[in-house]
């Protein structure tokens, strides 16, 4: 048993040293710096909430030097920001966490100071993005019991095989959450190409509503979204939605809460017609609505 523990300890230390060479310090807020991970040559991914300014950003490298960085773009809905810096660092192996199971060992790395830091834990849960607060658009996330020391946001989560599963964030208080590689890839590639994330826009105010038993039987679900307002000249108005309609599905995705609609309005729907199933006058109808782009705020 001592040999097993010693070998495991040496493996963890080796992984920390190896992947730590790709983890940087991000200085983009007044208080304690945070962490970031090299995505590709010259490109660093970190947490959006730790990048409090758009200029005067610096990145601390593993060799102790500091270089200037520019903000390529950010996505508050996934808590991801992308920086560009002259950083000649090794690119780690980013892996989809498809083979990760609850109970697997993981290492969280951060560099809030000059030295790399590590903490060990297990995967506590693998959750769908609908468990997150409204406005956050993540397909799924990993929840771990790793200790998120101050400045660990934006750092790497490693599998036992030394693959980076995503970046850690403390955006949700009390939860050690990891944004997975699949979400990072979608967001980073979009930001590199366009500098922003497009969000769909419908132009309605809606609230959850319980359907009557007769309507629920026709609709195949017992809750929907009651349209309480329709913005003038919005895609909703142009598509024929009215106050009092009840939204049932968006492209076959059930709508039972306002959060469901927010998540459904992805950027890839902008400019395209989407099928909305609604209840009007006790009958189920389907409308085709061309989705607009939500203006930047």
Protein backbone atom coordinates (compact mmCIF):
# COMPACT_ATOMS: atom_id res chain seq x y z
CA UNK A 1 0.00 0.00 0.00
CA UNK A 2 2.80 2.56 0.76
CA UNK A 3 4.20 1.98 -2.74
CA UNK A 4 0.77 2.51 -4.31
CA UNK A 5 0.28 5.80 -2.47
CA UNK A 6 3.82 6.92 -3.24
CA UNK A 7 3.39 6.17 -6.94
CA UNK A 8 0.04 7.98 -7.01
CA UNK A 9 1.60 10.95 -5.24
CA UNK A 10 4.45 11.10 -7.74
CA UNK A 11 2.01 10.87 -10.68
CA UNK A 12 -0.07 13.76 -9.34
CA UNK A 13 3.01 15.88 -8.77
CA UNK A 14 4.19 15.09 -12.29
CA UNK A 15 0.82 16.06 -13.80
CA UNK A 16 0.82 19.30 -11.83
CA UNK A 17 4.26 20.19 -13.12
CA UNK A 18 3.47 19.17 -16.71
CA UNK A 19 0.10 20.92 -17.12
CA UNK A 20 1.10 23.74 -14.80
CA UNK A 21 3.45 24.87 -17.58
CA UNK A 22 0.30 25.81 -19.54
CA UNK A 23 -1.46 27.63 -16.68
CA UNK A 24 -0.93 31.38 -16.34
CA UNK A 25 -1.77 34.18 -13.94
CA UNK A 26 -4.39 36.64 -15.21
CA UNK A 27 -4.18 40.21 -13.91
CA UNK A 28 -7.40 41.88 -15.02
CA UNK A 29 -9.06 43.03 -11.80
CA UNK A 30 -8.21 45.15 -8.79
CA UNK A 31 -8.01 42.41 -6.24
CA UNK A 32 -6.29 39.03 -6.33
CA UNK A 33 -5.27 37.85 -9.82
CA UNK A 34 -6.96 34.78 -11.29
CA UNK A 35 -5.82 31.98 -13.57
CA UNK A 36 -5.98 31.07 -17.25
CA UNK A 37 -5.03 28.16 -19.51
CA UNK A 38 -3.40 28.14 -22.92
CA UNK A 39 -5.99 27.12 -25.54
CA UNK A 40 -3.74 27.37 -28.57
CA UNK A 41 -0.56 29.27 -29.35
CA UNK A 42 -1.01 32.86 -28.18
CA UNK A 43 -4.61 32.29 -27.01
CA UNK A 44 -5.60 32.00 -23.35
CA UNK A 45 -8.99 31.03 -21.98
CA UNK A 46 -10.13 32.21 -18.55
CA UNK A 47 -13.28 33.05 -16.59
CA UNK A 48 -15.23 36.09 -17.69
CA UNK A 49 -16.02 37.27 -14.17
CA UNK A 50 -12.32 37.72 -13.33
CA UNK A 51 -11.74 40.03 -16.33
CA UNK A 52 -13.10 43.26 -14.89
CA UNK A 53 -11.45 45.56 -17.44
CA UNK A 54 -11.03 45.50 -21.20
CA UNK A 55 -7.58 47.11 -21.23
CA UNK A 56 -4.39 47.07 -19.15
CA UNK A 57 -4.50 43.27 -18.86
CA UNK A 58 -1.36 41.33 -17.99
CA UNK A 59 -0.53 37.65 -17.93
CA UNK A 60 2.02 36.08 -15.58
CA UNK A 61 3.94 33.22 -17.19
CA UNK A 62 5.33 30.12 -15.44
CA UNK A 63 8.90 31.42 -15.86
CA UNK A 64 8.08 34.44 -13.68
CA UNK A 65 7.85 37.01 -16.49
CA UNK A 66 4.78 39.12 -17.21
CA UNK A 67 3.44 40.05 -20.65
CA UNK A 68 0.64 42.28 -21.86
CA UNK A 69 -2.58 40.70 -23.11
CA UNK A 70 -5.53 41.90 -25.18
CA UNK A 71 -9.14 40.87 -24.73
CA UNK A 72 -10.41 39.02 -27.81
CA UNK A 73 -13.93 38.70 -26.47
CA UNK A 74 -16.09 37.54 -23.61
CA UNK A 75 -19.29 35.59 -23.00
CA UNK A 76 -20.94 36.27 -19.64
CA UNK A 77 -23.54 33.56 -20.25
CA UNK A 78 -20.88 30.84 -20.12
CA UNK A 79 -18.44 32.78 -17.90
CA UNK A 80 -15.71 32.53 -20.53
CA UNK A 81 -13.25 35.18 -21.70
CA UNK A 82 -10.50 34.82 -24.30
CA UNK A 83 -7.19 36.70 -24.24
CA UNK A 84 -4.33 36.98 -26.70
CA UNK A 85 -0.76 37.21 -25.44
CA UNK A 86 2.77 36.46 -26.60
CA UNK A 87 3.14 33.31 -24.54
CA UNK A 88 5.39 30.54 -25.85
CA UNK A 89 3.90 27.81 -23.69
CA UNK A 90 2.99 24.17 -24.34
CA UNK A 91 -0.62 23.61 -25.41
CA UNK A 92 -2.24 21.00 -23.14
CA UNK A 93 -4.47 18.21 -24.37
CA UNK A 94 -8.06 19.44 -24.10
CA UNK A 95 -10.45 16.51 -23.84
CA UNK A 96 -14.20 16.09 -23.81
CA UNK A 97 -15.22 14.74 -20.37
CA UNK A 98 -17.32 11.98 -21.95
CA UNK A 99 -15.63 9.16 -20.07
CA UNK A 100 -15.65 10.99 -16.73
CA UNK A 101 -17.89 9.46 -14.09
CA UNK A 102 -19.06 10.60 -10.70
CA UNK A 103 -16.39 9.54 -8.21
CA UNK A 104 -13.40 9.94 -10.55
CA UNK A 105 -10.36 11.71 -9.15
CA UNK A 106 -9.54 15.16 -10.56
CA UNK A 107 -6.89 17.81 -9.98
CA UNK A 108 -7.65 21.53 -10.08
CA UNK A 109 -4.73 23.82 -10.98
CA UNK A 110 -4.47 27.57 -10.52
CA UNK A 111 -1.80 30.25 -10.64
CA UNK A 112 -3.06 33.22 -8.61
CA UNK A 113 0.58 34.05 -7.78
CA UNK A 114 3.89 33.21 -9.42
CA UNK A 115 3.73 29.57 -8.37
CA UNK A 116 1.34 26.87 -9.51
CA UNK A 117 -1.14 25.58 -6.94
CA UNK A 118 -3.09 22.33 -6.96
CA UNK A 119 -5.98 20.76 -5.10
CA UNK A 120 -7.31 17.20 -5.30
CA UNK A 121 -10.95 16.11 -5.36
CA UNK A 122 -13.54 13.93 -7.02
CA UNK A 123 -16.31 14.54 -9.53
CA UNK A 124 -19.39 15.04 -7.37
CA UNK A 125 -21.99 15.40 -10.13
CA UNK A 126 -22.41 15.82 -13.87
CA UNK A 127 -25.34 18.15 -14.44
CA UNK A 128 -27.26 19.59 -17.36
CA UNK A 129 -27.08 23.32 -17.93
CA UNK A 130 -30.72 23.81 -16.96
CA UNK A 131 -29.62 23.49 -13.34
CA UNK A 132 -27.83 26.83 -13.63
CA UNK A 133 -29.35 30.28 -13.03
CA UNK A 134 -31.21 32.06 -15.84
CA UNK A 135 -28.90 33.66 -18.36
CA UNK A 136 -26.17 31.03 -18.16
CA UNK A 137 -25.97 28.98 -21.36
CA UNK A 138 -23.91 25.87 -20.76
CA UNK A 139 -24.77 22.46 -22.19
CA UNK A 140 -23.64 20.67 -19.07
CA UNK A 141 -21.12 21.15 -16.29
CA UNK A 142 -19.02 19.18 -13.83
CA UNK A 143 -19.42 19.71 -10.13
CA UNK A 144 -16.47 18.68 -7.97
CA UNK A 145 -15.46 18.85 -4.34
CA UNK A 146 -12.08 20.47 -5.10
CA UNK A 147 -11.22 23.45 -2.93
CA UNK A 148 -11.46 26.60 -5.03
CA UNK A 149 -8.76 28.73 -3.48
CA UNK A 150 -8.92 32.49 -4.21
CA UNK A 151 -7.68 33.08 -7.74
CA UNK A 152 -8.40 29.55 -8.97
CA UNK A 153 -11.16 30.68 -11.36
CA UNK A 154 -10.00 30.20 -14.95
CA UNK A 155 -7.62 27.41 -13.99
CA UNK A 156 -7.60 23.87 -15.34
CA UNK A 157 -9.39 20.74 -14.17
CA UNK A 158 -7.38 17.61 -14.97
CA UNK A 159 -8.44 14.02 -15.31
CA UNK A 160 -6.32 11.27 -13.79
CA UNK A 161 -4.90 10.78 -17.28
CA UNK A 162 -3.60 14.35 -17.42
CA UNK A 163 -6.19 15.71 -19.85
CA UNK A 164 -7.77 19.12 -19.35
CA UNK A 165 -11.51 18.67 -18.91
CA UNK A 166 -12.36 22.36 -18.73
CA UNK A 167 -11.80 25.48 -16.65
CA UNK A 168 -12.91 25.98 -13.08
CA UNK A 169 -15.09 28.87 -11.99
CA UNK A 170 -16.46 30.17 -8.72
CA UNK A 171 -19.19 32.12 -10.51
CA UNK A 172 -21.78 30.21 -8.45
CA UNK A 173 -21.20 30.69 -4.76
CA UNK A 174 -20.76 27.52 -2.78
CA UNK A 175 -20.21 25.28 -5.82
CA UNK A 176 -16.95 24.19 -7.45
CA UNK A 177 -18.04 24.23 -11.07
CA UNK A 178 -16.14 23.35 -14.23
CA UNK A 179 -17.04 24.67 -17.70
CA UNK A 180 -16.38 21.65 -19.94
CA UNK A 181 -14.22 21.58 -23.05
CA UNK A 182 -17.26 21.18 -25.33
CA UNK A 183 -18.68 24.53 -24.20
CA UNK A 184 -15.26 26.17 -24.29
CA UNK A 185 -14.65 25.02 -27.86
CA UNK A 186 -17.96 26.48 -29.06
CA UNK A 187 -17.44 29.79 -27.27
CA UNK A 188 -13.71 30.22 -27.98
CA UNK A 189 -14.04 29.46 -31.70
CA UNK A 190 -16.91 31.94 -32.02
CA UNK A 191 -15.04 34.67 -30.15
CA UNK A 192 -11.90 34.10 -32.23
CA UNK A 193 -13.95 34.39 -35.42
CA UNK A 194 -16.34 37.21 -34.50
CA UNK A 195 -15.19 38.78 -31.23
CA UNK A 196 -18.66 38.28 -29.71
CA UNK A 197 -21.34 35.69 -29.08
CA UNK A 198 -24.59 36.09 -30.95
CA UNK A 199 -27.80 35.57 -28.98
CA UNK A 200 -31.24 34.96 -30.39
CA UNK A 201 -34.00 37.51 -29.84
CA UNK A 202 -37.75 36.87 -29.86
CA UNK A 203 -39.14 39.98 -28.17
CA UNK A 204 -41.69 38.65 -25.70
CA UNK A 205 -42.28 38.84 -21.99
CA UNK A 206 -43.45 35.50 -20.64
CA UNK A 207 -44.19 33.72 -17.40
CA UNK A 208 -44.72 30.09 -16.48
CA UNK A 209 -48.33 28.95 -16.67
CA UNK A 210 -50.10 25.69 -15.80
CA UNK A 211 -52.30 24.39 -18.59
CA UNK A 212 -55.82 23.14 -18.07
CA UNK A 213 -56.20 19.38 -18.18
CA UNK A 214 -57.93 19.43 -21.57
CA UNK A 215 -55.26 21.67 -23.14
CA UNK A 216 -52.45 19.74 -21.44
CA UNK A 217 -53.75 16.55 -23.06
CA UNK A 218 -53.64 18.16 -26.51
CA UNK A 219 -50.26 19.78 -25.90
CA UNK A 220 -48.56 16.77 -24.36
CA UNK A 221 -47.26 18.82 -21.42
CA UNK A 222 -48.82 20.42 -18.38
CA UNK A 223 -46.92 23.74 -18.31
CA UNK A 224 -46.04 26.39 -20.87
CA UNK A 225 -45.09 30.08 -21.09
CA UNK A 226 -47.88 32.65 -21.08
CA UNK A 227 -46.99 35.60 -23.34
CA UNK A 228 -47.65 38.74 -21.27
CA UNK A 229 -46.08 41.27 -23.66
CA UNK A 230 -44.91 41.49 -27.27
CA UNK A 231 -42.39 44.15 -28.28
CA UNK A 232 -43.29 46.37 -31.21
CA UNK A 233 -41.68 45.34 -34.52
CA UNK A 234 -40.01 42.38 -32.81
CA UNK A 235 -39.58 38.96 -34.41
CA UNK A 236 -42.45 37.76 -32.21
CA UNK A 237 -44.81 40.44 -33.52
CA UNK A 238 -43.75 39.90 -37.11
CA UNK A 239 -44.18 36.15 -36.66
CA UNK A 240 -47.77 36.51 -35.44
CA UNK A 241 -47.46 36.01 -31.68
CA UNK A 242 -50.02 37.77 -29.48
CA UNK A 243 -50.44 38.50 -25.80
CA UNK A 244 -52.31 35.60 -24.24
CA UNK A 245 -50.68 32.95 -26.40
CA UNK A 246 -49.00 30.14 -24.50
CA UNK A 247 -45.63 28.96 -25.81
CA UNK A 248 -45.23 25.20 -25.66
CA UNK A 249 -42.07 24.35 -27.60
CA UNK A 250 -39.24 26.01 -29.49
CA UNK A 251 -38.00 23.71 -32.24
CA UNK A 252 -39.39 20.73 -30.27
CA UNK A 253 -37.70 21.90 -27.05
CA UNK A 254 -40.36 22.13 -24.28
CA UNK A 255 -40.76 25.59 -22.74
CA UNK A 256 -41.84 25.35 -19.12
CA UNK A 257 -39.98 28.34 -17.66
CA UNK A 258 -38.54 31.65 -18.94
CA UNK A 259 -35.08 30.10 -18.48
CA UNK A 260 -35.97 27.42 -21.03
CA UNK A 261 -36.70 30.10 -23.62
CA UNK A 262 -33.49 31.98 -22.87
CA UNK A 263 -31.44 28.82 -23.37
CA UNK A 264 -33.32 27.89 -26.52
CA UNK A 265 -32.52 31.21 -28.25
CA UNK A 266 -29.02 30.21 -29.29
CA UNK A 267 -26.97 32.29 -31.69
CA UNK A 268 -27.17 29.72 -34.47
CA UNK A 269 -30.89 30.46 -34.81
CA UNK A 270 -30.31 34.15 -35.64
CA UNK A 271 -31.78 34.92 -39.05
CA UNK A 272 -33.42 31.51 -39.32
CA UNK A 273 -37.06 30.47 -39.06
CA UNK A 274 -37.90 28.51 -35.93
CA UNK A 275 -41.04 26.48 -35.29
CA UNK A 276 -42.94 27.60 -32.19
CA UNK A 277 -45.80 25.46 -30.97
CA UNK A 278 -48.37 27.53 -29.10
CA UNK A 279 -51.81 27.34 -27.52
CA UNK A 280 -54.33 29.91 -28.73
CA UNK A 281 -58.01 29.76 -27.92
CA UNK A 282 -57.62 26.32 -26.40
CA UNK A 283 -56.14 24.87 -29.61
CA UNK A 284 -52.56 23.95 -30.46
CA UNK A 285 -50.98 25.79 -33.41
CA UNK A 286 -47.50 26.00 -34.92
CA UNK A 287 -45.97 29.33 -36.00
CA UNK A 288 -42.82 29.94 -38.00
CA UNK A 289 -40.88 32.88 -36.53
CA UNK A 290 -37.62 34.28 -37.90
CA UNK A 291 -35.34 34.81 -34.90
CA UNK A 292 -33.54 38.13 -34.56
CA UNK A 293 -30.25 38.99 -32.87
CA UNK A 294 -30.29 40.36 -29.36
CA UNK A 295 -28.55 43.75 -29.34
CA UNK A 296 -25.40 44.10 -27.26
CA UNK A 297 -25.83 45.76 -23.89
